[in-house]
Amino acid sequence: MVEIGKRIQECRRARGLSQDELAELALLNRVTVAKYESGKVEPGVRAMLRIAAALEMSVGELLNSEELPASAPSDSQDEERTLLATFRHLNSIGRKKVRDYVADLAGNPAYLEDEKEKAI
């Protein structure tokens, strides 16, 4: 049986995240993350879901000690992670404004990436 604390630490490090960064992305306290990793406290279901999402993996992948996570994320993945973490801190009104603004931007071709640029 995998020791979940060690697995969380292994996956966090493989993603190039500090405990502070994982805690922020998972909406947890850094001390809580440290307790999970040290094995002093076992995370509950909600915490496992948050940690897995922050690490961009399923809970099953997080529990599978034979499958190592992908290497550290790219700059664009870091940017997306930061945006998502910021979004999660907004209240429902702020989240609605973000969704509306993104929909407006996505509907304007001037703000869309050119498919040729993506291939480069």
Protein backbone atom coordinates (compact mmCIF):
# COMPACT_ATOMS: atom_id res chain seq x y z
CA MET A 1 0.00 0.00 0.00
CA VAL A 2 1.33 3.40 -0.96
CA GLU A 3 2.04 5.90 1.79
CA ILE A 4 -0.10 8.76 0.57
CA GLY A 5 2.00 11.47 2.19
CA LYS A 6 5.14 10.34 0.40
CA ARG A 7 3.21 10.04 -2.85
CA ILE A 8 1.84 13.59 -2.52
CA GLN A 9 5.37 14.85 -1.91
CA GLU A 10 6.75 12.85 -4.85
CA CYS A 11 4.09 14.18 -7.24
CA ARG A 12 4.45 17.74 -5.95
CA ARG A 13 8.20 17.69 -6.49
CA ALA A 14 7.84 16.11 -9.93
CA ARG A 15 5.59 19.05 -10.86
CA GLY A 16 8.19 21.50 -9.59
CA LEU A 17 5.92 22.89 -6.88
CA SER A 18 6.74 24.01 -3.37
CA GLN A 19 4.47 23.12 -0.46
CA ASP A 20 3.26 26.73 -0.48
CA GLU A 21 2.37 26.54 -4.17
CA LEU A 22 0.54 23.24 -3.79
CA ALA A 23 -1.34 24.58 -0.78
CA GLU A 24 -2.44 27.67 -2.69
CA LEU A 25 -3.56 25.68 -5.73
CA ALA A 26 -5.43 23.15 -3.58
CA LEU A 27 -6.92 25.84 -1.31
CA LEU A 28 -5.22 24.30 1.71
CA ASN A 29 -2.89 25.57 4.41
CA ARG A 30 0.84 24.94 3.86
CA VAL A 31 1.11 23.41 7.34
CA THR A 32 -1.67 20.99 6.42
CA VAL A 33 0.19 19.96 3.25
CA ALA A 34 3.34 19.44 5.33
CA LYS A 35 1.42 17.24 7.78
CA TYR A 36 0.02 15.15 4.91
CA GLU A 37 3.48 14.70 3.40
CA SER A 38 5.08 13.76 6.71
CA GLY A 39 2.35 11.23 7.42
CA LYS A 40 1.23 12.97 10.62
CA VAL A 41 -2.27 13.44 9.16
CA GLU A 42 -4.04 11.57 6.37
CA PRO A 43 -5.96 13.72 3.90
CA GLY A 44 -9.70 13.23 3.64
CA VAL A 45 -11.60 12.77 0.40
CA ARG A 46 -12.13 16.50 -0.20
CA ALA A 47 -8.44 17.26 0.38
CA MET A 48 -7.41 14.38 -1.92
CA LEU A 49 -9.65 15.74 -4.67
CA ARG A 50 -8.18 19.22 -4.27
CA ILE A 51 -4.60 17.98 -4.20
CA ALA A 52 -5.11 15.76 -7.24
CA ALA A 53 -6.70 18.64 -9.17
CA ALA A 54 -3.87 20.98 -8.18
CA LEU A 55 -1.37 18.39 -9.43
CA GLU A 56 -3.40 17.97 -12.64
CA MET A 57 -4.05 14.28 -12.08
CA SER A 58 -6.84 12.03 -10.90
CA VAL A 59 -7.01 10.68 -7.37
CA GLY A 60 -6.35 7.24 -8.87
CA GLU A 61 -3.14 8.49 -10.48
CA LEU A 62 -2.15 10.12 -7.21
CA LEU A 63 -2.61 6.82 -5.38
CA ASN A 64 -0.76 4.76 -8.02
CA SER A 65 2.83 4.66 -6.76
CA GLU A 66 4.09 2.88 -9.88
CA GLU A 67 3.13 5.69 -12.23
CA LEU A 68 5.24 8.80 -11.93
CA PRO A 69 3.68 12.12 -12.88
CA ALA A 70 4.84 14.11 -15.89
CA SER A 71 7.81 16.39 -15.47
CA ALA A 72 7.59 20.00 -14.36
CA PRO A 73 4.95 22.03 -16.21
CA SER A 74 5.78 24.48 -18.97
CA ASP A 75 5.53 28.25 -18.57
CA SER A 76 2.05 28.22 -20.14
CA GLN A 77 0.94 25.55 -17.68
CA ASP A 78 2.32 27.66 -14.82
CA GLU A 79 0.35 30.63 -16.11
CA GLU A 80 -2.82 28.54 -16.37
CA ARG A 81 -2.29 27.18 -12.86
CA THR A 82 -1.88 30.70 -11.48
CA LEU A 83 -5.03 31.87 -13.27
CA LEU A 84 -6.99 28.92 -11.94
CA ALA A 85 -5.76 29.46 -8.39
CA THR A 86 -6.72 33.14 -8.60
CA PHE A 87 -10.13 32.25 -10.06
CA ARG A 88 -10.77 29.85 -7.15
CA HIS A 89 -10.29 32.70 -4.69
CA LEU A 90 -13.04 34.78 -6.28
CA ASN A 91 -16.59 34.83 -4.99
CA SER A 92 -19.52 33.85 -7.25
CA ILE A 93 -19.92 37.39 -8.59
CA GLY A 94 -16.23 37.63 -9.49
CA ARG A 95 -16.29 34.19 -11.13
CA LYS A 96 -19.29 35.16 -13.25
CA LYS A 97 -17.52 38.33 -14.40
CA VAL A 98 -14.44 36.31 -15.38
CA ARG A 99 -16.55 33.80 -17.34
CA ASP A 100 -18.39 36.63 -19.13
CA TYR A 101 -15.15 38.43 -19.96
CA VAL A 102 -13.51 35.26 -21.29
CA ALA A 103 -16.57 34.53 -23.42
CA ASP A 104 -16.37 38.06 -24.88
CA LEU A 105 -12.66 37.68 -25.65
CA ALA A 106 -13.14 34.22 -27.17
CA GLY A 107 -15.82 35.64 -29.46
CA ASN A 108 -13.43 38.23 -30.90
CA PRO A 109 -11.00 36.83 -33.52
CA ALA A 110 -8.48 39.55 -32.66
CA TYR A 111 -7.82 37.78 -29.34
CA LEU A 112 -7.63 34.20 -30.61
CA GLU A 113 -4.35 32.40 -31.29
CA ASP A 114 -3.60 31.74 -34.90
CA GLU A 115 -3.54 27.98 -35.53
CA LYS A 116 -0.25 28.42 -37.42
CA GLU A 117 1.37 29.94 -34.31
CA LYS A 118 0.36 26.90 -32.22
CA ALA A 119 2.14 24.55 -34.61
CA ILE A 120 5.47 26.36 -34.17
